[in-house]
Amino acid sequence: MTRQGSGANLKVLLVEDSALLRELLEEMFDELDGVELVGVVDGETKALQTLARETPDLAIVDLELSEGSGLGILRELSESPDRYGQPRAVVFSSYARESLRRRCEAYGAEAFFDKANGMDDLIDFVQSAAQPD
C-alpha cells in the first residue's frame, strides 16, 4: 500500500467504499512516482481517524460510503482544518449533480471527478500534485 522513494512523497488518503475501485486505484497510484498511499478506508469514522493520525497532503473522497458520508468528511475538514493538517481534498463520486458539486466546493473540495468518466482526470490530478514545484 505504501510507495517508498527518495524525497518527500505526496501522502494520499483514499476514501472509497467499493473494494474493486479501491484495489484498482491502489494499483494505479502505486505506479505514480512521488505518491504514497497512507491509508485506504471505506467509511467516514475510519477516514477521520486516519486523517488525524497520518495528516495526508491529499484526501480523495467518495460521497457514498459504507458508514457516514464523504460530505461529513469534507465538512469536518472545513470546520477543523488544524486537526487534520489542512490536506487538499477532491471528490471521486458517481453523484455528479451540480448541487452536490457546489456543496462539496463550499466545504473546500478542490475538484470533483465523476467515476463514470473521470478516473483518468483524477490520476492526472494526483500525478500533477505529486510533482515538485
N, C-alpha and C. Protein backbone atom coordinates (compact mmCIF):
# COMPACT_ATOMS: atom_id res chain seq x y z
N MET A 1 0.82 -1.19 0.00
CA MET A 1 0.00 0.00 0.00
C MET A 1 0.87 1.25 0.00
N THR A 2 2.05 1.21 0.50
CA THR A 2 2.88 2.40 0.59
C THR A 2 3.99 2.34 -0.43
N ARG A 3 4.14 3.41 -1.16
CA ARG A 3 5.21 3.50 -2.14
C ARG A 3 6.38 4.20 -1.48
N GLN A 4 7.50 3.57 -1.47
CA GLN A 4 8.71 4.14 -0.87
C GLN A 4 9.53 4.80 -1.96
N GLY A 5 10.20 5.86 -1.61
CA GLY A 5 11.05 6.52 -2.58
C GLY A 5 11.87 7.57 -1.88
N SER A 6 12.76 8.20 -2.63
CA SER A 6 13.58 9.24 -2.03
C SER A 6 12.81 10.56 -2.06
N GLY A 7 13.11 11.41 -1.10
CA GLY A 7 12.48 12.72 -1.06
C GLY A 7 11.08 12.65 -0.49
N ALA A 8 10.42 13.78 -0.55
CA ALA A 8 9.07 13.89 0.02
C ALA A 8 8.04 13.41 -0.99
N ASN A 9 7.23 12.48 -0.57
CA ASN A 9 6.14 11.99 -1.40
C ASN A 9 4.86 12.72 -1.08
N LEU A 10 3.95 12.78 -2.05
CA LEU A 10 2.60 13.26 -1.82
C LEU A 10 1.87 12.17 -1.05
N LYS A 11 1.48 12.47 0.18
CA LYS A 11 0.78 11.49 1.01
C LYS A 11 -0.71 11.58 0.70
N VAL A 12 -1.30 10.45 0.31
CA VAL A 12 -2.68 10.41 -0.15
C VAL A 12 -3.50 9.46 0.72
N LEU A 13 -4.69 9.92 1.08
CA LEU A 13 -5.68 9.06 1.74
C LEU A 13 -6.80 8.83 0.74
N LEU A 14 -7.14 7.57 0.49
CA LEU A 14 -8.23 7.20 -0.40
C LEU A 14 -9.41 6.74 0.44
N VAL A 15 -10.56 7.40 0.27
CA VAL A 15 -11.78 7.05 0.99
C VAL A 15 -12.79 6.58 -0.04
N GLU A 16 -12.99 5.27 -0.13
CA GLU A 16 -13.82 4.67 -1.19
C GLU A 16 -14.46 3.40 -0.64
N ASP A 17 -15.78 3.25 -0.83
CA ASP A 17 -16.46 2.07 -0.29
C ASP A 17 -16.42 0.86 -1.23
N SER A 18 -16.13 1.05 -2.49
CA SER A 18 -16.08 -0.06 -3.44
C SER A 18 -14.72 -0.76 -3.39
N ALA A 19 -14.71 -2.03 -2.99
CA ALA A 19 -13.46 -2.79 -2.90
C ALA A 19 -12.76 -2.86 -4.26
N LEU A 20 -13.54 -3.02 -5.32
CA LEU A 20 -12.96 -3.09 -6.66
C LEU A 20 -12.26 -1.79 -7.03
N LEU A 21 -12.91 -0.66 -6.79
CA LEU A 21 -12.29 0.63 -7.10
C LEU A 21 -11.10 0.91 -6.20
N ARG A 22 -11.19 0.53 -4.93
CA ARG A 22 -10.05 0.72 -4.02
C ARG A 22 -8.83 -0.02 -4.57
N GLU A 23 -9.02 -1.26 -4.95
CA GLU A 23 -7.92 -2.08 -5.46
C GLU A 23 -7.36 -1.49 -6.76
N LEU A 24 -8.22 -1.10 -7.65
CA LEU A 24 -7.79 -0.52 -8.93
C LEU A 24 -7.01 0.77 -8.71
N LEU A 25 -7.54 1.66 -7.88
CA LEU A 25 -6.86 2.93 -7.62
C LEU A 25 -5.53 2.72 -6.88
N GLU A 26 -5.50 1.78 -5.96
CA GLU A 26 -4.24 1.48 -5.27
C GLU A 26 -3.16 1.09 -6.28
N GLU A 27 -3.52 0.21 -7.22
CA GLU A 27 -2.57 -0.22 -8.25
C GLU A 27 -2.12 0.96 -9.11
N MET A 28 -3.06 1.82 -9.48
CA MET A 28 -2.73 2.97 -10.33
C MET A 28 -1.83 3.96 -9.58
N PHE A 29 -2.13 4.23 -8.32
CA PHE A 29 -1.31 5.16 -7.54
C PHE A 29 0.07 4.60 -7.29
N ASP A 30 0.17 3.28 -7.15
CA ASP A 30 1.46 2.64 -6.91
C ASP A 30 2.40 2.85 -8.10
N GLU A 31 1.85 3.07 -9.28
CA GLU A 31 2.66 3.29 -10.48
C GLU A 31 3.13 4.73 -10.62
N LEU A 32 2.61 5.63 -9.80
CA LEU A 32 2.96 7.05 -9.90
C LEU A 32 4.16 7.37 -9.02
N ASP A 33 5.16 8.00 -9.60
CA ASP A 33 6.31 8.44 -8.82
C ASP A 33 5.90 9.55 -7.88
N GLY A 34 6.40 9.49 -6.66
CA GLY A 34 6.16 10.56 -5.71
C GLY A 34 4.84 10.49 -4.99
N VAL A 35 4.12 9.37 -5.10
CA VAL A 35 2.82 9.22 -4.44
C VAL A 35 2.91 8.10 -3.42
N GLU A 36 2.47 8.39 -2.21
CA GLU A 36 2.45 7.41 -1.13
C GLU A 36 1.04 7.32 -0.55
N LEU A 37 0.42 6.16 -0.67
CA LEU A 37 -0.89 5.96 -0.04
C LEU A 37 -0.67 5.72 1.45
N VAL A 38 -1.19 6.61 2.28
CA VAL A 38 -1.03 6.47 3.72
C VAL A 38 -2.26 5.84 4.36
N GLY A 39 -3.28 5.61 3.56
CA GLY A 39 -4.48 4.96 4.07
C GLY A 39 -5.48 4.73 2.97
N VAL A 40 -6.21 3.63 3.09
CA VAL A 40 -7.31 3.30 2.20
C VAL A 40 -8.43 2.82 3.09
N VAL A 41 -9.51 3.60 3.16
CA VAL A 41 -10.60 3.30 4.08
C VAL A 41 -11.94 3.38 3.36
N ASP A 42 -12.99 2.83 4.00
CA ASP A 42 -14.29 2.76 3.34
C ASP A 42 -15.39 3.52 4.07
N GLY A 43 -15.06 4.21 5.18
CA GLY A 43 -16.09 4.90 5.93
C GLY A 43 -15.60 6.21 6.53
N GLU A 44 -16.55 7.02 6.97
CA GLU A 44 -16.25 8.35 7.50
C GLU A 44 -15.42 8.31 8.78
N THR A 45 -15.79 7.47 9.73
CA THR A 45 -15.07 7.41 11.00
C THR A 45 -13.62 7.00 10.78
N LYS A 46 -13.40 5.94 10.00
CA LYS A 46 -12.03 5.50 9.72
C LYS A 46 -11.26 6.59 8.98
N ALA A 47 -11.93 7.29 8.08
CA ALA A 47 -11.27 8.36 7.33
C ALA A 47 -10.80 9.47 8.25
N LEU A 48 -11.67 9.91 9.16
CA LEU A 48 -11.31 10.99 10.07
C LEU A 48 -10.19 10.57 11.03
N GLN A 49 -10.22 9.32 11.47
CA GLN A 49 -9.15 8.81 12.33
C GLN A 49 -7.82 8.81 11.57
N THR A 50 -7.85 8.35 10.32
CA THR A 50 -6.63 8.29 9.51
C THR A 50 -6.14 9.69 9.17
N LEU A 51 -7.07 10.60 8.87
CA LEU A 51 -6.68 11.98 8.58
C LEU A 51 -5.96 12.61 9.77
N ALA A 52 -6.45 12.37 10.97
CA ALA A 52 -5.83 12.95 12.17
C ALA A 52 -4.48 12.32 12.45
N ARG A 53 -4.36 11.02 12.21
CA ARG A 53 -3.14 10.29 12.54
C ARG A 53 -2.04 10.49 11.49
N GLU A 54 -2.40 10.44 10.22
CA GLU A 54 -1.41 10.45 9.14
C GLU A 54 -1.18 11.82 8.52
N THR A 55 -2.09 12.76 8.73
CA THR A 55 -2.06 14.09 8.11
C THR A 55 -1.60 14.04 6.65
N PRO A 56 -2.41 13.43 5.79
CA PRO A 56 -2.03 13.35 4.37
C PRO A 56 -2.06 14.73 3.71
N ASP A 57 -1.43 14.80 2.56
CA ASP A 57 -1.44 16.02 1.76
C ASP A 57 -2.71 16.14 0.94
N LEU A 58 -3.29 14.99 0.59
CA LEU A 58 -4.46 14.95 -0.28
C LEU A 58 -5.42 13.85 0.17
N ALA A 59 -6.69 14.21 0.29
CA ALA A 59 -7.73 13.22 0.58
C ALA A 59 -8.62 13.10 -0.66
N ILE A 60 -8.78 11.87 -1.14
CA ILE A 60 -9.67 11.58 -2.26
C ILE A 60 -10.90 10.93 -1.65
N VAL A 61 -12.05 11.58 -1.77
CA VAL A 61 -13.23 11.20 -1.00
C VAL A 61 -14.40 10.85 -1.91
N ASP A 62 -14.95 9.65 -1.71
CA ASP A 62 -16.22 9.27 -2.32
C ASP A 62 -17.32 9.84 -1.44
N LEU A 63 -18.46 10.15 -2.03
CA LEU A 63 -19.56 10.71 -1.23
C LEU A 63 -20.37 9.65 -0.52
N GLU A 64 -20.61 8.53 -1.18
CA GLU A 64 -21.38 7.44 -0.57
C GLU A 64 -20.42 6.41 -0.01
N LEU A 65 -20.47 6.20 1.31
CA LEU A 65 -19.52 5.33 1.98
C LEU A 65 -20.25 4.22 2.74
N SER A 66 -19.49 3.23 3.19
CA SER A 66 -20.10 2.13 3.95
C SER A 66 -20.63 2.61 5.28
N GLU A 67 -20.06 3.71 5.80
CA GLU A 67 -20.51 4.31 7.06
C GLU A 67 -20.27 5.80 6.95
N GLY A 68 -21.27 6.59 7.29
CA GLY A 68 -21.13 8.03 7.18
C GLY A 68 -21.19 8.47 5.72
N SER A 69 -20.59 9.64 5.46
CA SER A 69 -20.60 10.15 4.08
C SER A 69 -19.37 10.99 3.80
N GLY A 70 -19.07 11.13 2.52
CA GLY A 70 -17.98 11.99 2.12
C GLY A 70 -18.24 13.44 2.46
N LEU A 71 -19.51 13.85 2.41
CA LEU A 71 -19.84 15.22 2.79
C LEU A 71 -19.49 15.47 4.26
N GLY A 72 -19.69 14.48 5.11
CA GLY A 72 -19.32 14.61 6.51
C GLY A 72 -17.82 14.80 6.68
N ILE A 73 -17.04 14.10 5.87
CA ILE A 73 -15.58 14.24 5.92
C ILE A 73 -15.19 15.64 5.47
N LEU A 74 -15.74 16.08 4.34
CA LEU A 74 -15.42 17.42 3.83
C LEU A 74 -15.81 18.50 4.83
N ARG A 75 -16.98 18.34 5.45
CA ARG A 75 -17.44 19.31 6.44
C ARG A 75 -16.46 19.37 7.62
N GLU A 76 -16.05 18.22 8.10
CA GLU A 76 -15.11 18.16 9.23
C GLU A 76 -13.77 18.78 8.86
N LEU A 77 -13.28 18.51 7.65
CA LEU A 77 -12.02 19.12 7.20
C LEU A 77 -12.15 20.64 7.14
N SER A 78 -13.32 21.11 6.71
CA SER A 78 -13.57 22.54 6.58
C SER A 78 -13.68 23.21 7.95
N GLU A 79 -14.32 22.54 8.89
CA GLU A 79 -14.57 23.13 10.20
C GLU A 79 -13.41 22.98 11.18
N SER A 80 -12.56 21.98 10.98
CA SER A 80 -11.43 21.73 11.90
C SER A 80 -10.13 21.51 11.12
N PRO A 81 -9.72 22.48 10.32
CA PRO A 81 -8.56 22.26 9.44
C PRO A 81 -7.26 21.93 10.19
N ASP A 82 -7.02 22.56 11.32
CA ASP A 82 -5.77 22.33 12.04
C ASP A 82 -5.68 20.91 12.60
N ARG A 83 -6.82 20.33 12.91
CA ARG A 83 -6.82 18.98 13.48
C ARG A 83 -6.31 17.94 12.48
N TYR A 84 -6.51 18.22 11.18
CA TYR A 84 -6.19 17.23 10.15
C TYR A 84 -5.01 17.65 9.27
N GLY A 85 -4.30 18.69 9.62
CA GLY A 85 -3.14 19.09 8.85
C GLY A 85 -3.45 19.83 7.56
N GLN A 86 -4.68 20.27 7.40
CA GLN A 86 -5.13 21.05 6.24
C GLN A 86 -4.82 20.39 4.89
N PRO A 87 -5.24 19.13 4.70
CA PRO A 87 -4.99 18.49 3.41
C PRO A 87 -5.86 19.08 2.30
N ARG A 88 -5.38 18.98 1.09
CA ARG A 88 -6.22 19.27 -0.06
C ARG A 88 -7.25 18.13 -0.13
N ALA A 89 -8.42 18.41 -0.69
CA ALA A 89 -9.45 17.38 -0.80
C ALA A 89 -10.09 17.45 -2.17
N VAL A 90 -10.32 16.27 -2.75
CA VAL A 90 -11.06 16.16 -4.00
C VAL A 90 -12.11 15.08 -3.83
N VAL A 91 -13.13 15.15 -4.67
CA VAL A 91 -14.23 14.19 -4.60
C VAL A 91 -14.17 13.29 -5.83
N PHE A 92 -14.38 11.99 -5.60
CA PHE A 92 -14.46 10.99 -6.68
C PHE A 92 -15.76 10.24 -6.45
N SER A 93 -16.79 10.56 -7.24
CA SER A 93 -18.12 10.04 -6.96
C SER A 93 -18.95 9.86 -8.22
N SER A 94 -19.96 9.01 -8.14
CA SER A 94 -20.89 8.87 -9.26
C SER A 94 -22.05 9.84 -9.14
N TYR A 95 -22.11 10.58 -8.05
CA TYR A 95 -23.18 11.56 -7.87
C TYR A 95 -22.68 12.93 -8.32
N ALA A 96 -22.80 13.17 -9.61
CA ALA A 96 -22.20 14.36 -10.21
C ALA A 96 -23.19 15.51 -10.38
N ARG A 97 -24.26 15.50 -9.60
CA ARG A 97 -25.23 16.59 -9.71
C ARG A 97 -24.59 17.92 -9.34
N GLU A 98 -24.99 18.97 -10.04
CA GLU A 98 -24.40 20.30 -9.83
C GLU A 98 -24.58 20.77 -8.39
N SER A 99 -25.74 20.49 -7.80
CA SER A 99 -25.97 20.92 -6.41
C SER A 99 -24.98 20.26 -5.45
N LEU A 100 -24.66 18.99 -5.69
CA LEU A 100 -23.68 18.31 -4.85
C LEU A 100 -22.29 18.86 -5.07
N ARG A 101 -21.97 19.15 -6.32
CA ARG A 101 -20.65 19.74 -6.62
C ARG A 101 -20.49 21.06 -5.87
N ARG A 102 -21.52 21.89 -5.90
CA ARG A 102 -21.44 23.18 -5.22
C ARG A 102 -21.27 23.00 -3.71
N ARG A 103 -21.98 22.03 -3.17
CA ARG A 103 -21.87 21.76 -1.72
C ARG A 103 -20.46 21.29 -1.36
N CYS A 104 -19.90 20.42 -2.19
CA CYS A 104 -18.54 19.93 -1.97
C CYS A 104 -17.55 21.09 -2.04
N GLU A 105 -17.72 21.97 -3.03
CA GLU A 105 -16.85 23.13 -3.17
C GLU A 105 -16.98 24.05 -1.96
N ALA A 106 -18.20 24.21 -1.44
CA ALA A 106 -18.42 25.05 -0.27
C ALA A 106 -17.65 24.51 0.95
N TYR A 107 -17.48 23.19 1.00
CA TYR A 107 -16.72 22.56 2.09
C TYR A 107 -15.23 22.48 1.76
N GLY A 108 -14.81 23.07 0.65
CA GLY A 108 -13.39 23.15 0.35
C GLY A 108 -12.85 22.14 -0.64
N ALA A 109 -13.71 21.31 -1.24
CA ALA A 109 -13.21 20.36 -2.23
C ALA A 109 -12.64 21.13 -3.41
N GLU A 110 -11.44 20.75 -3.80
CA GLU A 110 -10.72 21.45 -4.86
C GLU A 110 -11.19 21.03 -6.25
N ALA A 111 -11.65 19.79 -6.37
CA ALA A 111 -12.08 19.28 -7.67
C ALA A 111 -13.10 18.17 -7.43
N PHE A 112 -13.87 17.87 -8.47
CA PHE A 112 -14.90 16.83 -8.42
C PHE A 112 -14.70 15.96 -9.65
N PHE A 113 -14.44 14.67 -9.45
CA PHE A 113 -14.22 13.74 -10.55
C PHE A 113 -15.34 12.72 -10.57
N ASP A 114 -15.97 12.57 -11.72
CA ASP A 114 -17.07 11.63 -11.90
C ASP A 114 -16.50 10.23 -12.14
N LYS A 115 -16.99 9.25 -11.38
CA LYS A 115 -16.49 7.88 -11.53
C LYS A 115 -16.74 7.33 -12.93
N ALA A 116 -17.81 7.79 -13.57
CA ALA A 116 -18.16 7.24 -14.89
C ALA A 116 -17.12 7.57 -15.96
N ASN A 117 -16.54 8.77 -15.88
CA ASN A 117 -15.62 9.14 -16.95
C ASN A 117 -14.46 10.02 -16.48
N GLY A 118 -14.22 10.07 -15.18
CA GLY A 118 -13.19 10.98 -14.68
C GLY A 118 -12.00 10.32 -14.03
N MET A 119 -11.84 8.99 -14.15
CA MET A 119 -10.73 8.33 -13.47
C MET A 119 -9.38 8.81 -14.02
N ASP A 120 -9.26 8.94 -15.33
CA ASP A 120 -8.01 9.42 -15.90
C ASP A 120 -7.70 10.84 -15.42
N ASP A 121 -8.73 11.67 -15.33
CA ASP A 121 -8.54 13.04 -14.84
C ASP A 121 -8.08 13.03 -13.38
N LEU A 122 -8.63 12.12 -12.57
CA LEU A 122 -8.21 12.01 -11.18
C LEU A 122 -6.74 11.60 -11.10
N ILE A 123 -6.35 10.61 -11.87
CA ILE A 123 -4.96 10.15 -11.87
C ILE A 123 -4.03 11.28 -12.32
N ASP A 124 -4.44 12.01 -13.36
CA ASP A 124 -3.64 13.16 -13.83
C ASP A 124 -3.51 14.21 -12.73
N PHE A 125 -4.60 14.46 -12.00
CA PHE A 125 -4.58 15.44 -10.91
C PHE A 125 -3.57 15.01 -9.84
N VAL A 126 -3.63 13.75 -9.43
CA VAL A 126 -2.73 13.24 -8.39
C VAL A 126 -1.30 13.30 -8.87
N GLN A 127 -1.06 12.90 -10.11
CA GLN A 127 0.29 12.93 -10.66
C GLN A 127 0.84 14.36 -10.68
N SER A 128 0.00 15.30 -11.09
CA SER A 128 0.41 16.70 -11.12
C SER A 128 0.70 17.22 -9.70
N ALA A 129 -0.15 16.84 -8.75
CA ALA A 129 0.03 17.29 -7.37
C ALA A 129 1.31 16.72 -6.76
N ALA A 130 1.76 15.57 -7.26
CA ALA A 130 2.96 14.92 -6.72
C ALA A 130 4.25 15.51 -7.28
N GLN A 131 4.13 16.30 -8.34
CA GLN A 131 5.33 16.89 -8.95
C GLN A 131 5.83 18.04 -8.11
N PRO A 132 7.14 18.13 -7.90
CA PRO A 132 7.68 19.25 -7.14
C PRO A 132 7.45 20.57 -7.91
N ASP A 133 7.31 21.62 -7.14
CA ASP A 133 7.05 22.94 -7.74
C ASP A 133 8.20 23.41 -8.60
